[in-house]
């Protein structure tokens, strides 16, 4: 209901802006026609009405953007609330069970394991929000060292396999041939965050059996290219640039079961830019998978 209300508001303000602009143009042309013999008045009238029309259009664009931004904020708050509430409720349930009844050692160990997973989920959500705030600050990376990017990517792949309980063949890695340096200058923790976010997205949005391809290449002597390709839900062409915006999630019913904050790819792009590179997405459309590419400047001795 709230989404429908917001969309109706956007349509209302857009229609109002168009009508006001049209009315201003009509009045302006009418005034010019009536006073066409007086050159100075005509010129001043054109400037005056041009300024009015421009102001109306800019005001309408601003209002529509604000409505959309508020809608994204609401979606983000709902997503974060769910991501926090679900593991907390689960933890409470397990603790109440342990407090109110006797359980054997096997069940106790199982409960402890599940509670640890819930705390990891809580910590992951909090860290995602904190990293988004840090990534949004437009400043250079504070802690920069030479990082062997190929080794870092392999570590992230191993961690993703463990975290999502995947077989080795589920996430395949094709690296640069041995002997070719893959060093970049940057913050290793931020780079690890960017790579992990891309991998997690590829796994989360896969259809059924996970099949992710990770490719690391050096297209020239100055850049390193990381491509992560999945065979998942895909992205419509018009949404490819939008997915890197803060809080943005692709409106797709097939993704309703996938929970998230809409911050993952925003963090990826922000980190890539802070390191002098960029990130972009490619997809042939819904149901045809997605490829996320991170390009970074190469550190050459």
Foldseek 3Di string as FASTA:
>chain_A
DVVVVLVVVLVVLVVVLVVVLVVLVVVLVVVCVVPVVDVVVNVVSVVVSVVVNVVSVVVSVVVNVVSVVVVLVVLLVVLLCCLQVVLVVLLVVLVVDVVPDDDDPVVVVVSVVSNVLSVVSNVVSVVLVVLLVVLPDPDAAPDKDKDQVVVLLVVLLVVLCVNVVHDQQLEEEDEDDPPDTQIAIHDSVLSSLLSNLVVVVQQLQADDRRHKYWYWDDPDPWKIKIKIKTQGFWAAPVCFVVLLDQSDDGPDPVCPVRGDNSRSNVSNQSRLVSQVWGKTKDTPHTRGIIMIMRMHTGDDD
